[in-house]
Amino acid sequence: MLITQINYHHFFQALQQQFCSQWREDFTLVFADLSVLTAGWQAQGSVSDLANALTAWKRIYHKLLCQQPVSEMVAIARRLRQHNLGTTFSQSAIAAVWQSIEQADDWRHFFNAIADSKKSL
């Protein structure tokens, strides 16, 4: 049995980096390169166990892509780039942002951090 916790950020970063319209044609191309995906994972089991566990997800994602018009593939790639930050915030940066929210309901630092990270895209 594979017990895994794939880092949320790494999952969507890998999805953003690897997504291509060919995923619509062949589900085996979905996450063909697991090295990006496994960069932030913790598991009991091997990478081949992870690949097997992802097979069902890959088939479902492929099916969903097939339900979309071919022209939508470009829009999907754009949304993945637009809504998934290319950077990971450090624990201290998150703590600083959270402190201003918690103590003063001040969300400026949060919105500034998001805007700054989007500038680096």
PDB file of N, CA and C in Angstrom:
ATOM      1  N   MET A   1       0.839  -1.185   0.000  1.00  0.00           N
ATOM      2  CA  MET A   1       0.000   0.000   0.000  1.00  0.00           C
ATOM      3  C   MET A   1       0.882   1.246   0.000  1.00  0.00           C
ATOM      4  N   LEU A   2       0.560   2.175  -0.853  1.00  0.00           N
ATOM      5  CA  LEU A   2       1.308   3.422  -0.949  1.00  0.00           C
ATOM      6  C   LEU A   2       0.654   4.462  -0.056  1.00  0.00           C
ATOM      7  N   ILE A   3       1.429   4.996   0.840  1.00  0.00           N
ATOM      8  CA  ILE A   3       0.968   6.102   1.673  1.00  0.00           C
ATOM      9  C   ILE A   3       1.782   7.300   1.232  1.00  0.00           C
ATOM     10  N   THR A   4       1.100   8.315   0.748  1.00  0.00           N
ATOM     11  CA  THR A   4       1.836   9.438   0.186  1.00  0.00           C
ATOM     12  C   THR A   4       1.167  10.770   0.515  1.00  0.00           C
ATOM     13  N   GLN A   5       1.990  11.748   0.568  1.00  0.00           N
ATOM     14  CA  GLN A   5       1.499  13.113   0.691  1.00  0.00           C
ATOM     15  C   GLN A   5       2.306  13.934  -0.301  1.00  0.00           C
ATOM     16  N   ILE A   6       1.697  14.235  -1.424  1.00  0.00           N
ATOM     17  CA  ILE A   6       2.350  15.043  -2.441  1.00  0.00           C
ATOM     18  C   ILE A   6       2.087  16.500  -2.096  1.00  0.00           C
ATOM     19  N   ASN A   7       3.128  17.276  -2.062  1.00  0.00           N
ATOM     20  CA  ASN A   7       3.035  18.695  -1.764  1.00  0.00           C
ATOM     21  C   ASN A   7       2.109  19.367  -2.785  1.00  0.00           C
ATOM     22  N   TYR A   8       1.110  20.086  -2.282  1.00  0.00           N
ATOM     23  CA  TYR A   8       0.120  20.765  -3.125  1.00  0.00           C
ATOM     24  C   TYR A   8       0.793  21.662  -4.165  1.00  0.00           C
ATOM     25  N   HIS A   9       1.735  22.471  -3.701  1.00  0.00           N
ATOM     26  CA  HIS A   9       2.424  23.391  -4.607  1.00  0.00           C
ATOM     27  C   HIS A   9       3.168  22.628  -5.703  1.00  0.00           C
ATOM     28  N   HIS A  10       3.888  21.568  -5.325  1.00  0.00           N
ATOM     29  CA  HIS A  10       4.630  20.792  -6.321  1.00  0.00           C
ATOM     30  C   HIS A  10       3.703  20.131  -7.335  1.00  0.00           C
ATOM     31  N   PHE A  11       2.539  19.662  -6.857  1.00  0.00           N
ATOM     32  CA  PHE A  11       1.588  19.035  -7.774  1.00  0.00           C
ATOM     33  C   PHE A  11       1.147  20.021  -8.849  1.00  0.00           C
ATOM     34  N   PHE A  12       0.702  21.210  -8.439  1.00  0.00           N
ATOM     35  CA  PHE A  12       0.205  22.169  -9.423  1.00  0.00           C
ATOM     36  C   PHE A  12       1.335  22.808 -10.224  1.00  0.00           C
ATOM     37  N   GLN A  13       2.509  22.916  -9.640  1.00  0.00           N
ATOM     38  CA  GLN A  13       3.663  23.398 -10.397  1.00  0.00           C
ATOM     39  C   GLN A  13       4.008  22.394 -11.499  1.00  0.00           C
ATOM     40  N   ALA A  14       3.993  21.107 -11.163  1.00  0.00           N
ATOM     41  CA  ALA A  14       4.261  20.075 -12.166  1.00  0.00           C
ATOM     42  C   ALA A  14       3.173  20.062 -13.224  1.00  0.00           C
ATOM     43  N   LEU A  15       1.929  20.220 -12.805  1.00  0.00           N
ATOM     44  CA  LEU A  15       0.816  20.259 -13.751  1.00  0.00           C
ATOM     45  C   LEU A  15       0.997  21.432 -14.712  1.00  0.00           C
ATOM     46  N   GLN A  16       1.343  22.590 -14.168  1.00  0.00           N
ATOM     47  CA  GLN A  16       1.564  23.786 -14.984  1.00  0.00           C
ATOM     48  C   GLN A  16       2.727  23.577 -15.953  1.00  0.00           C
ATOM     49  N   GLN A  17       3.837  23.030 -15.479  1.00  0.00           N
ATOM     50  CA  GLN A  17       5.036  22.874 -16.301  1.00  0.00           C
ATOM     51  C   GLN A  17       4.867  21.819 -17.383  1.00  0.00           C
ATOM     52  N   GLN A  18       4.160  20.742 -17.075  1.00  0.00           N
ATOM     53  CA  GLN A  18       4.108  19.617 -18.012  1.00  0.00           C
ATOM     54  C   GLN A  18       2.876  19.604 -18.904  1.00  0.00           C
ATOM     55  N   PHE A  19       1.852  20.377 -18.567  1.00  0.00           N
ATOM     56  CA  PHE A  19       0.615  20.312 -19.335  1.00  0.00           C
ATOM     57  C   PHE A  19       0.876  20.594 -20.805  1.00  0.00           C
ATOM     58  N   CYS A  20       0.294  19.761 -21.665  1.00  0.00           N
ATOM     59  CA  CYS A  20       0.353  20.001 -23.104  1.00  0.00           C
ATOM     60  C   CYS A  20      -0.882  19.389 -23.752  1.00  0.00           C
ATOM     61  N   SER A  21      -1.215  19.868 -24.928  1.00  0.00           N
ATOM     62  CA  SER A  21      -2.433  19.427 -25.601  1.00  0.00           C
ATOM     63  C   SER A  21      -2.397  17.937 -25.941  1.00  0.00           C
ATOM     64  N   GLN A  22      -1.214  17.342 -26.019  1.00  0.00           N
ATOM     65  CA  GLN A  22      -1.117  15.913 -26.317  1.00  0.00           C
ATOM     66  C   GLN A  22      -1.704  15.051 -25.203  1.00  0.00           C
ATOM     67  N   TRP A  23      -1.841  15.624 -24.004  1.00  0.00           N
ATOM     68  CA  TRP A  23      -2.470  14.873 -22.908  1.00  0.00           C
ATOM     69  C   TRP A  23      -3.880  14.466 -23.299  1.00  0.00           C
ATOM     70  N   ARG A  24      -4.498  15.251 -24.156  1.00  0.00           N
ATOM     71  CA  ARG A  24      -5.850  14.956 -24.624  1.00  0.00           C
ATOM     72  C   ARG A  24      -5.852  13.722 -25.528  1.00  0.00           C
ATOM     73  N   GLU A  25      -4.742  13.462 -26.182  1.00  0.00           N
ATOM     74  CA  GLU A  25      -4.652  12.355 -27.131  1.00  0.00           C
ATOM     75  C   GLU A  25      -4.266  11.036 -26.472  1.00  0.00           C
ATOM     76  N   ASP A  26      -3.452  11.095 -25.405  1.00  0.00           N
ATOM     77  CA  ASP A  26      -2.906   9.876 -24.813  1.00  0.00           C
ATOM     78  C   ASP A  26      -2.697  10.078 -23.317  1.00  0.00           C
ATOM     79  N   PHE A  27      -3.454   9.351 -22.507  1.00  0.00           N
ATOM     80  CA  PHE A  27      -3.382   9.548 -21.056  1.00  0.00           C
ATOM     81  C   PHE A  27      -2.014   9.180 -20.490  1.00  0.00           C
ATOM     82  N   THR A  28      -1.239   8.349 -21.168  1.00  0.00           N
ATOM     83  CA  THR A  28       0.071   7.970 -20.633  1.00  0.00           C
ATOM     84  C   THR A  28       1.063   9.135 -20.658  1.00  0.00           C
ATOM     85  N   LEU A  29       0.747  10.184 -21.417  1.00  0.00           N
ATOM     86  CA  LEU A  29       1.621  11.364 -21.462  1.00  0.00           C
ATOM     87  C   LEU A  29       1.411  12.278 -20.259  1.00  0.00           C
ATOM     88  N   VAL A  30       0.283  12.110 -19.558  1.00  0.00           N
ATOM     89  CA  VAL A  30      -0.008  12.931 -18.382  1.00  0.00           C
ATOM     90  C   VAL A  30       1.009  12.593 -17.297  1.00  0.00           C
ATOM     91  N   PHE A  31       1.706  13.593 -16.819  1.00  0.00           N
ATOM     92  CA  PHE A  31       2.771  13.421 -15.824  1.00  0.00           C
ATOM     93  C   PHE A  31       3.751  12.319 -16.231  1.00  0.00           C
ATOM     94  N   ALA A  32       4.152  12.341 -17.496  1.00  0.00           N
ATOM     95  CA  ALA A  32       5.127  11.363 -17.969  1.00  0.00           C
ATOM     96  C   ALA A  32       6.452  11.515 -17.218  1.00  0.00           C
ATOM     97  N   ASP A  33       6.781  12.748 -16.817  1.00  0.00           N
ATOM     98  CA  ASP A  33       7.998  13.007 -16.046  1.00  0.00           C
ATOM     99  C   ASP A  33       7.620  13.184 -14.581  1.00  0.00           C
ATOM    100  N   LEU A  34       7.789  12.137 -13.799  1.00  0.00           N
ATOM    101  CA  LEU A  34       7.425  12.183 -12.387  1.00  0.00           C
ATOM    102  C   LEU A  34       8.462  12.895 -11.528  1.00  0.00           C
ATOM    103  N   SER A  35       9.641  13.182 -12.068  1.00  0.00           N
ATOM    104  CA  SER A  35      10.697  13.780 -11.249  1.00  0.00           C
ATOM    105  C   SER A  35      10.289  15.145 -10.702  1.00  0.00           C
ATOM    106  N   VAL A  36       9.576  15.941 -11.501  1.00  0.00           N
ATOM    107  CA  VAL A  36       9.118  17.246 -11.029  1.00  0.00           C
ATOM    108  C   VAL A  36       8.071  17.063  -9.943  1.00  0.00           C
ATOM    109  N   LEU A  37       7.184  16.115 -10.158  1.00  0.00           N
ATOM    110  CA  LEU A  37       6.104  15.875  -9.206  1.00  0.00           C
ATOM    111  C   LEU A  37       6.613  15.326  -7.884  1.00  0.00           C
ATOM    112  N   THR A  38       7.611  14.467  -7.914  1.00  0.00           N
ATOM    113  CA  THR A  38       8.106  13.827  -6.697  1.00  0.00           C
ATOM    114  C   THR A  38       9.119  14.670  -5.940  1.00  0.00           C
ATOM    115  N   ALA A  39       9.412  15.869  -6.429  1.00  0.00           N
ATOM    116  CA  ALA A  39      10.400  16.727  -5.767  1.00  0.00           C
ATOM    117  C   ALA A  39      10.006  17.050  -4.334  1.00  0.00           C
ATOM    118  N   GLY A  40       8.721  17.188  -4.061  1.00  0.00           N
ATOM    119  CA  GLY A  40       8.299  17.571  -2.726  1.00  0.00           C
ATOM    120  C   GLY A  40       7.418  16.543  -2.051  1.00  0.00           C
ATOM    121  N   TRP A  41       7.584  15.291  -2.382  1.00  0.00           N
ATOM    122  CA  TRP A  41       6.689  14.284  -1.824  1.00  0.00           C
ATOM    123  C   TRP A  41       7.308  13.542  -0.665  1.00  0.00           C
ATOM    124  N   GLN A  42       6.435  12.994   0.143  1.00  0.00           N
ATOM    125  CA  GLN A  42       6.851  12.132   1.235  1.00  0.00           C
ATOM    126  C   GLN A  42       6.048  10.854   1.071  1.00  0.00           C
ATOM    127  N   ALA A  43       6.713   9.715   1.069  1.00  0.00           N
ATOM    128  CA  ALA A  43       5.962   8.485   0.837  1.00  0.00           C
ATOM    129  C   ALA A  43       6.647   7.290   1.450  1.00  0.00           C
ATOM    130  N   GLN A  44       5.851   6.277   1.654  1.00  0.00           N
ATOM    131  CA  GLN A  44       6.346   4.945   1.942  1.00  0.00           C
ATOM    132  C   GLN A  44       6.024   4.163   0.687  1.00  0.00           C
ATOM    133  N   GLY A  45       7.015   3.829  -0.068  1.00  0.00           N
ATOM    134  CA  GLY A  45       6.805   3.161  -1.342  1.00  0.00           C
ATOM    135  C   GLY A  45       7.745   3.743  -2.367  1.00  0.00           C
ATOM    136  N   SER A  46       7.718   3.171  -3.551  1.00  0.00           N
ATOM    137  CA  SER A  46       8.640   3.600  -4.596  1.00  0.00           C
ATOM    138  C   SER A  46       7.962   4.565  -5.555  1.00  0.00           C
ATOM    139  N   VAL A  47       8.761   5.137  -6.440  1.00  0.00           N
ATOM    140  CA  VAL A  47       8.227   6.030  -7.462  1.00  0.00           C
ATOM    141  C   VAL A  47       7.294   5.251  -8.375  1.00  0.00           C
ATOM    142  N   SER A  48       7.581   3.976  -8.636  1.00  0.00           N
ATOM    143  CA  SER A  48       6.672   3.180  -9.465  1.00  0.00           C
ATOM    144  C   SER A  48       5.328   2.986  -8.762  1.00  0.00           C
ATOM    145  N   ASP A  49       5.337   2.901  -7.422  1.00  0.00           N
ATOM    146  CA  ASP A  49       4.077   2.841  -6.672  1.00  0.00           C
ATOM    147  C   ASP A  49       3.281   4.129  -6.875  1.00  0.00           C
ATOM    148  N   LEU A  50       3.982   5.262  -6.863  1.00  0.00           N
ATOM    149  CA  LEU A  50       3.325   6.546  -7.085  1.00  0.00           C
ATOM    150  C   LEU A  50       2.739   6.588  -8.494  1.00  0.00           C
ATOM    151  N   ALA A  51       3.504   6.139  -9.471  1.00  0.00           N
ATOM    152  CA  ALA A  51       3.023   6.129 -10.861  1.00  0.00           C
ATOM    153  C   ALA A  51       1.761   5.287 -10.984  1.00  0.00           C
ATOM    154  N   ASN A  52       1.744   4.149 -10.328  1.00  0.00           N
ATOM    155  CA  ASN A  52       0.554   3.292 -10.369  1.00  0.00           C
ATOM    156  C   ASN A  52      -0.634   3.962  -9.697  1.00  0.00           C
ATOM    157  N   ALA A  53      -0.382   4.627  -8.578  1.00  0.00           N
ATOM    158  CA  ALA A  53      -1.457   5.308  -7.865  1.00  0.00           C
ATOM    159  C   ALA A  53      -2.025   6.461  -8.689  1.00  0.00           C
ATOM    160  N   LEU A  54      -1.195   7.092  -9.501  1.00  0.00           N
ATOM    161  CA  LEU A  54      -1.643   8.211 -10.319  1.00  0.00           C
ATOM    162  C   LEU A  54      -2.396   7.780 -11.573  1.00  0.00           C
ATOM    163  N   THR A  55      -2.332   6.509 -11.921  1.00  0.00           N
ATOM    164  CA  THR A  55      -2.941   6.045 -13.162  1.00  0.00           C
ATOM    165  C   THR A  55      -4.430   6.364 -13.217  1.00  0.00           C
ATOM    166  N   ALA A  56      -5.157   6.102 -12.144  1.00  0.00           N
ATOM    167  CA  ALA A  56      -6.595   6.396 -12.146  1.00  0.00           C
ATOM    168  C   ALA A  56      -6.838   7.890 -12.333  1.00  0.00           C
ATOM    169  N   TRP A  57      -6.063   8.724 -11.629  1.00  0.00           N
ATOM    170  CA  TRP A  57      -6.215  10.170 -11.769  1.00  0.00           C
ATOM    171  C   TRP A  57      -5.917  10.602 -13.203  1.00  0.00           C
ATOM    172  N   LYS A  58      -4.854  10.040 -13.793  1.00  0.00           N
ATOM    173  CA  LYS A  58      -4.473  10.381 -15.162  1.00  0.00           C
ATOM    174  C   LYS A  58      -5.591  10.034 -16.143  1.00  0.00           C
ATOM    175  N   ARG A  59      -6.218   8.891 -15.949  1.00  0.00           N
ATOM    176  CA  ARG A  59      -7.319   8.475 -16.835  1.00  0.00           C
ATOM    177  C   ARG A  59      -8.508   9.436 -16.710  1.00  0.00           C
ATOM    178  N   ILE A  60      -8.832   9.819 -15.497  1.00  0.00           N
ATOM    179  CA  ILE A  60      -9.947  10.747 -15.276  1.00  0.00           C
ATOM    180  C   ILE A  60      -9.633  12.112 -15.885  1.00  0.00           C
ATOM    181  N   TYR A  61      -8.420  12.609 -15.654  1.00  0.00           N
ATOM    182  CA  TYR A  61      -8.034  13.912 -16.191  1.00  0.00           C
ATOM    183  C   TYR A  61      -8.064  13.872 -17.716  1.00  0.00           C
ATOM    184  N   HIS A  62      -7.569  12.797 -18.291  1.00  0.00           N
ATOM    185  CA  HIS A  62      -7.584  12.615 -19.745  1.00  0.00           C
ATOM    186  C   HIS A  62      -9.017  12.646 -20.272  1.00  0.00           C
ATOM    187  N   LYS A  63      -9.919  11.944 -19.591  1.00  0.00           N
ATOM    188  CA  LYS A  63     -11.328  11.924 -19.990  1.00  0.00           C
ATOM    189  C   LYS A  63     -11.935  13.330 -19.960  1.00  0.00           C
ATOM    190  N   LEU A  64     -11.609  14.074 -18.907  1.00  0.00           N
ATOM    191  CA  LEU A  64     -12.112  15.450 -18.799  1.00  0.00           C
ATOM    192  C   LEU A  64     -11.568  16.328 -19.922  1.00  0.00           C
ATOM    193  N   LEU A  65     -10.289  16.150 -20.251  1.00  0.00           N
ATOM    194  CA  LEU A  65      -9.704  16.928 -21.348  1.00  0.00           C
ATOM    195  C   LEU A  65     -10.370  16.582 -22.677  1.00  0.00           C
ATOM    196  N   CYS A  66     -10.708  15.314 -22.864  1.00  0.00           N
ATOM    197  CA  CYS A  66     -11.353  14.885 -24.114  1.00  0.00           C
ATOM    198  C   CYS A  66     -12.749  15.481 -24.265  1.00  0.00           C
ATOM    199  N   GLN A  67     -13.365  15.862 -23.171  1.00  0.00           N
ATOM    200  CA  GLN A  67     -14.689  16.479 -23.225  1.00  0.00           C
ATOM    201  C   GLN A  67     -14.618  17.951 -23.622  1.00  0.00           C
ATOM    202  N   GLN A  68     -13.418  18.501 -23.645  1.00  0.00           N
ATOM    203  CA  GLN A  68     -13.224  19.902 -24.006  1.00  0.00           C
ATOM    204  C   GLN A  68     -12.858  19.998 -25.486  1.00  0.00           C
ATOM    205  N   PRO A  69     -13.246  21.093 -26.136  1.00  0.00           N
ATOM    206  CA  PRO A  69     -12.798  21.277 -27.523  1.00  0.00           C
ATOM    207  C   PRO A  69     -11.274  21.449 -27.567  1.00  0.00           C
ATOM    208  N   VAL A  70     -10.689  21.076 -28.666  1.00  0.00           N
ATOM    209  CA  VAL A  70      -9.239  21.188 -28.828  1.00  0.00           C
ATOM    210  C   VAL A  70      -8.778  22.618 -28.562  1.00  0.00           C
ATOM    211  N   SER A  71      -9.569  23.589 -28.984  1.00  0.00           N
ATOM    212  CA  SER A  71      -9.204  24.998 -28.792  1.00  0.00           C
ATOM    213  C   SER A  71      -9.095  25.383 -27.321  1.00  0.00           C
ATOM    214  N   GLU A  72      -9.728  24.630 -26.443  1.00  0.00           N
ATOM    215  CA  GLU A  72      -9.692  24.937 -25.009  1.00  0.00           C
ATOM    216  C   GLU A  72      -8.349  24.576 -24.374  1.00  0.00           C
ATOM    217  N   MET A  73      -7.537  23.766 -25.021  1.00  0.00           N
ATOM    218  CA  MET A  73      -6.259  23.337 -24.445  1.00  0.00           C
ATOM    219  C   MET A  73      -5.337  24.531 -24.183  1.00  0.00           C
ATOM    220  N   VAL A  74      -5.332  25.496 -25.070  1.00  0.00           N
ATOM    221  CA  VAL A  74      -4.512  26.704 -24.888  1.00  0.00           C
ATOM    222  C   VAL A  74      -5.003  27.480 -23.675  1.00  0.00           C
ATOM    223  N   ALA A  75      -6.315  27.590 -23.522  1.00  0.00           N
ATOM    224  CA  ALA A  75      -6.887  28.324 -22.391  1.00  0.00           C
ATOM    225  C   ALA A  75      -6.592  27.619 -21.069  1.00  0.00           C
ATOM    226  N   ILE A  76      -6.630  26.302 -21.076  1.00  0.00           N
ATOM    227  CA  ILE A  76      -6.310  25.542 -19.857  1.00  0.00           C
ATOM    228  C   ILE A  76      -4.861  25.801 -19.455  1.00  0.00           C
ATOM    229  N   ALA A  77      -3.955  25.736 -20.409  1.00  0.00           N
ATOM    230  CA  ALA A  77      -2.539  25.997 -20.119  1.00  0.00           C
ATOM    231  C   ALA A  77      -2.353  27.409 -19.572  1.00  0.00           C
ATOM    232  N   ARG A  78      -3.047  28.374 -20.152  1.00  0.00           N
ATOM    233  CA  ARG A  78      -2.947  29.762 -19.690  1.00  0.00           C
ATOM    234  C   ARG A  78      -3.471  29.895 -18.257  1.00  0.00           C
ATOM    235  N   ARG A  79      -4.591  29.275 -17.957  1.00  0.00           N
ATOM    236  CA  ARG A  79      -5.134  29.346 -16.596  1.00  0.00           C
ATOM    237  C   ARG A  79      -4.199  28.680 -15.590  1.00  0.00           C
ATOM    238  N   LEU A  80      -3.587  27.576 -15.964  1.00  0.00           N
ATOM    239  CA  LEU A  80      -2.637  26.925 -15.060  1.00  0.00           C
ATOM    240  C   LEU A  80      -1.466  27.856 -14.747  1.00  0.00           C
ATOM    241  N   ARG A  81      -0.966  28.557 -15.757  1.00  0.00           N
ATOM    242  CA  ARG A  81       0.133  29.512 -15.528  1.00  0.00           C
ATOM    243  C   ARG A  81      -0.329  30.700 -14.704  1.00  0.00           C
ATOM    244  N   GLN A  82      -1.520  31.178 -14.978  1.00  0.00           N
ATOM    245  CA  GLN A  82      -2.030  32.376 -14.326  1.00  0.00           C
ATOM    246  C   GLN A  82      -2.361  32.151 -12.851  1.00  0.00           C
ATOM    247  N   HIS A  83      -2.874  30.992 -12.507  1.00  0.00           N
ATOM    248  CA  HIS A  83      -3.392  30.769 -11.156  1.00  0.00           C
ATOM    249  C   HIS A  83      -2.487  29.927 -10.261  1.00  0.00           C
ATOM    250  N   ASN A  84      -1.340  29.531 -10.751  1.00  0.00           N
ATOM    251  CA  ASN A  84      -0.408  28.755  -9.937  1.00  0.00           C
ATOM    252  C   ASN A  84       0.915  29.484  -9.872  1.00  0.00           C
ATOM    253  N   LEU A  85       1.236  29.948  -8.699  1.00  0.00           N
ATOM    254  CA  LEU A  85       2.438  30.740  -8.514  1.00  0.00           C
ATOM    255  C   LEU A  85       3.683  29.903  -8.775  1.00  0.00           C
ATOM    256  N   GLY A  86       4.683  30.534  -9.329  1.00  0.00           N
ATOM    257  CA  GLY A  86       5.925  29.847  -9.627  1.00  0.00           C
ATOM    258  C   GLY A  86       6.879  29.778  -8.450  1.00  0.00           C
ATOM    259  N   THR A  87       6.499  30.396  -7.355  1.00  0.00           N
ATOM    260  CA  THR A  87       7.370  30.423  -6.184  1.00  0.00           C
ATOM    261  C   THR A  87       6.642  29.837  -4.978  1.00  0.00           C
ATOM    262  N   THR A  88       7.425  29.350  -4.051  1.00  0.00           N
ATOM    263  CA  THR A  88       6.887  28.852  -2.792  1.00  0.00           C
ATOM    264  C   THR A  88       7.301  29.822  -1.704  1.00  0.00           C
ATOM    265  N   PHE A  89       6.359  30.200  -0.865  1.00  0.00           N
ATOM    266  CA  PHE A  89       6.672  31.119   0.218  1.00  0.00           C
ATOM    267  C   PHE A  89       7.335  30.365   1.361  1.00  0.00           C
ATOM    268  N   SER A  90       8.330  30.985   1.955  1.00  0.00           N
ATOM    269  CA  SER A  90       8.998  30.379   3.106  1.00  0.00           C
ATOM    270  C   SER A  90       8.069  30.426   4.307  1.00  0.00           C
ATOM    271  N   GLN A  91       8.359  29.607   5.285  1.00  0.00           N
ATOM    272  CA  GLN A  91       7.541  29.566   6.494  1.00  0.00           C
ATOM    273  C   GLN A  91       7.562  30.921   7.208  1.00  0.00           C
ATOM    274  N   SER A  92       8.721  31.576   7.225  1.00  0.00           N
ATOM    275  CA  SER A  92       8.806  32.876   7.900  1.00  0.00           C
ATOM    276  C   SER A  92       7.997  33.940   7.150  1.00  0.00           C
ATOM    277  N   ALA A  93       7.982  33.875   5.823  1.00  0.00           N
ATOM    278  CA  ALA A  93       7.191  34.831   5.048  1.00  0.00           C
ATOM    279  C   ALA A  93       5.699  34.620   5.297  1.00  0.00           C
ATOM    280  N   ILE A  94       5.286  33.376   5.357  1.00  0.00           N
ATOM    281  CA  ILE A  94       3.878  33.074   5.644  1.00  0.00           C
ATOM    282  C   ILE A  94       3.520  33.558   7.041  1.00  0.00           C
ATOM    283  N   ALA A  95       4.397  33.324   8.001  1.00  0.00           N
ATOM    284  CA  ALA A  95       4.146  33.747   9.388  1.00  0.00           C
ATOM    285  C   ALA A  95       4.003  35.265   9.480  1.00  0.00           C
ATOM    286  N   ALA A  96       4.845  35.994   8.752  1.00  0.00           N
ATOM    287  CA  ALA A  96       4.785  37.459   8.792  1.00  0.00           C
ATOM    288  C   ALA A  96       3.473  37.966   8.193  1.00  0.00           C
ATOM    289  N   VAL A  97       3.088  37.375   7.093  1.00  0.00           N
ATOM    290  CA  VAL A  97       1.826  37.772   6.454  1.00  0.00           C
ATOM    291  C   VAL A  97       0.656  37.421   7.367  1.00  0.00           C
ATOM    292  N   TRP A  98       0.694  36.222   7.915  1.00  0.00           N
ATOM    293  CA  TRP A  98      -0.403  35.773   8.771  1.00  0.00           C
ATOM    294  C   TRP A  98      -0.522  36.628  10.029  1.00  0.00           C
ATOM    295  N   GLN A  99       0.598  37.057  10.565  1.00  0.00           N
ATOM    296  CA  GLN A  99       0.579  37.864  11.786  1.00  0.00           C
ATOM    297  C   GLN A  99      -0.218  39.151  11.573  1.00  0.00           C
ATOM    298  N   SER A 100       0.001  39.823  10.442  1.00  0.00           N
ATOM    299  CA  SER A 100      -0.737  41.068  10.193  1.00  0.00           C
ATOM    300  C   SER A 100      -2.226  40.805   9.970  1.00  0.00           C
ATOM    301  N   ILE A 101      -2.555  39.669   9.412  1.00  0.00           N
ATOM    302  CA  ILE A 101      -3.966  39.314   9.226  1.00  0.00           C
ATOM    303  C   ILE A 101      -4.601  39.000  10.578  1.00  0.00           C
ATOM    304  N   GLU A 102      -3.912  38.193  11.348  1.00  0.00           N
ATOM    305  CA  GLU A 102      -4.448  37.749  12.634  1.00  0.00           C
ATOM    306  C   GLU A 102      -4.598  38.905  13.627  1.00  0.00           C
ATOM    307  N   GLN A 103      -3.590  39.763  13.695  1.00  0.00           N
ATOM    308  CA  GLN A 103      -3.592  40.818  14.711  1.00  0.00           C
ATOM    309  C   GLN A 103      -4.407  42.048  14.325  1.00  0.00           C
ATOM    310  N   ALA A 104      -4.391  42.394  13.035  1.00  0.00           N
ATOM    311  CA  ALA A 104      -5.025  43.654  12.640  1.00  0.00           C
ATOM    312  C   ALA A 104      -6.004  43.511  11.474  1.00  0.00           C
ATOM    313  N   ASP A 105      -6.287  42.257  11.082  1.00  0.00           N
ATOM    314  CA  ASP A 105      -7.137  42.010   9.919  1.00  0.00           C
ATOM    315  C   ASP A 105      -6.628  42.811   8.710  1.00  0.00           C
ATOM    316  N   ASP A 106      -5.301  42.896   8.614  1.00  0.00           N
ATOM    317  CA  ASP A 106      -4.633  43.655   7.554  1.00  0.00           C
ATOM    318  C   ASP A 106      -4.153  42.677   6.482  1.00  0.00           C
ATOM    319  N   TRP A 107      -4.811  42.692   5.359  1.00  0.00           N
ATOM    320  CA  TRP A 107      -4.520  41.753   4.268  1.00  0.00           C
ATOM    321  C   TRP A 107      -3.555  42.342   3.236  1.00  0.00           C
ATOM    322  N   ARG A 108      -3.085  43.569   3.433  1.00  0.00           N
ATOM    323  CA  ARG A 108      -2.188  44.211   2.450  1.00  0.00           C
ATOM    324  C   ARG A 108      -0.958  43.369   2.158  1.00  0.00           C
ATOM    325  N   HIS A 109      -0.309  42.846   3.204  1.00  0.00           N
ATOM    326  CA  HIS A 109       0.919  42.067   3.004  1.00  0.00           C
ATOM    327  C   HIS A 109       0.637  40.796   2.206  1.00  0.00           C
ATOM    328  N   PHE A 110      -0.513  40.196   2.438  1.00  0.00           N
ATOM    329  CA  PHE A 110      -0.902  39.008   1.679  1.00  0.00           C
ATOM    330  C   PHE A 110      -1.041  39.350   0.196  1.00  0.00           C
ATOM    331  N   PHE A 111      -1.824  40.387  -0.104  1.00  0.00           N
ATOM    332  CA  PHE A 111      -2.038  40.768  -1.497  1.00  0.00           C
ATOM    333  C   PHE A 111      -0.749  41.244  -2.162  1.00  0.00           C
ATOM    334  N   ASN A 112       0.100  41.934  -1.407  1.00  0.00           N
ATOM    335  CA  ASN A 112       1.397  42.370  -1.947  1.00  0.00           C
ATOM    336  C   ASN A 112       2.290  41.172  -2.263  1.00  0.00           C
ATOM    337  N   ALA A 113       2.301  40.179  -1.382  1.00  0.00           N
ATOM    338  CA  ALA A 113       3.118  38.983  -1.612  1.00  0.00           C
ATOM    339  C   ALA A 113       2.653  38.243  -2.860  1.00  0.00           C
ATOM    340  N   ILE A 114       1.342  38.128  -3.029  1.00  0.00           N
ATOM    341  CA  ILE A 114       0.796  37.467  -4.221  1.00  0.00           C
ATOM    342  C   ILE A 114       1.154  38.265  -5.467  1.00  0.00           C
ATOM    343  N   ALA A 115       0.977  39.566  -5.419  1.00  0.00           N
ATOM    344  CA  ALA A 115       1.301  40.419  -6.585  1.00  0.00           C
ATOM    345  C   ALA A 115       2.783  40.335  -6.931  1.00  0.00           C
ATOM    346  N   ASP A 116       3.642  40.357  -5.916  1.00  0.00           N
ATOM    347  CA  ASP A 116       5.087  40.265  -6.158  1.00  0.00           C
ATOM    348  C   ASP A 116       5.456  38.939  -6.796  1.00  0.00           C
ATOM    349  N   SER A 117       4.835  37.860  -6.336  1.00  0.00           N
ATOM    350  CA  SER A 117       5.180  36.558  -6.901  1.00  0.00           C
ATOM    351  C   SER A 117       4.667  36.435  -8.338  1.00  0.00           C
ATOM    352  N   LYS A 118       3.558  37.086  -8.656  1.00  0.00           N
ATOM    353  CA  LYS A 118       3.035  37.040 -10.027  1.00  0.00           C
ATOM    354  C   LYS A 118       3.919  37.844 -10.978  1.00  0.00           C
ATOM    355  N   LYS A 119       4.584  38.878 -10.450  1.00  0.00           N
ATOM    356  CA  LYS A 119       5.507  39.670 -11.278  1.00  0.00           C
ATOM    357  C   LYS A 119       6.674  38.827 -11.751  1.00  0.00           C
ATOM    358  N   SER A 120       7.039  37.828 -10.948  1.00  0.00           N
ATOM    359  CA  SER A 120       8.192  37.003 -11.312  1.00  0.00           C
ATOM    360  C   SER A 120       7.860  35.946 -12.352  1.00  0.00           C
ATOM    361  N   LEU A 121       6.583  35.822 -12.730  1.00  0.00           N
ATOM    362  CA  LEU A 121       6.188  34.822 -13.731  1.00  0.00           C
ATOM    363  C   LEU A 121       6.600  35.212 -15.106  1.00  0.00           C
TER     364      LEU A 121
END
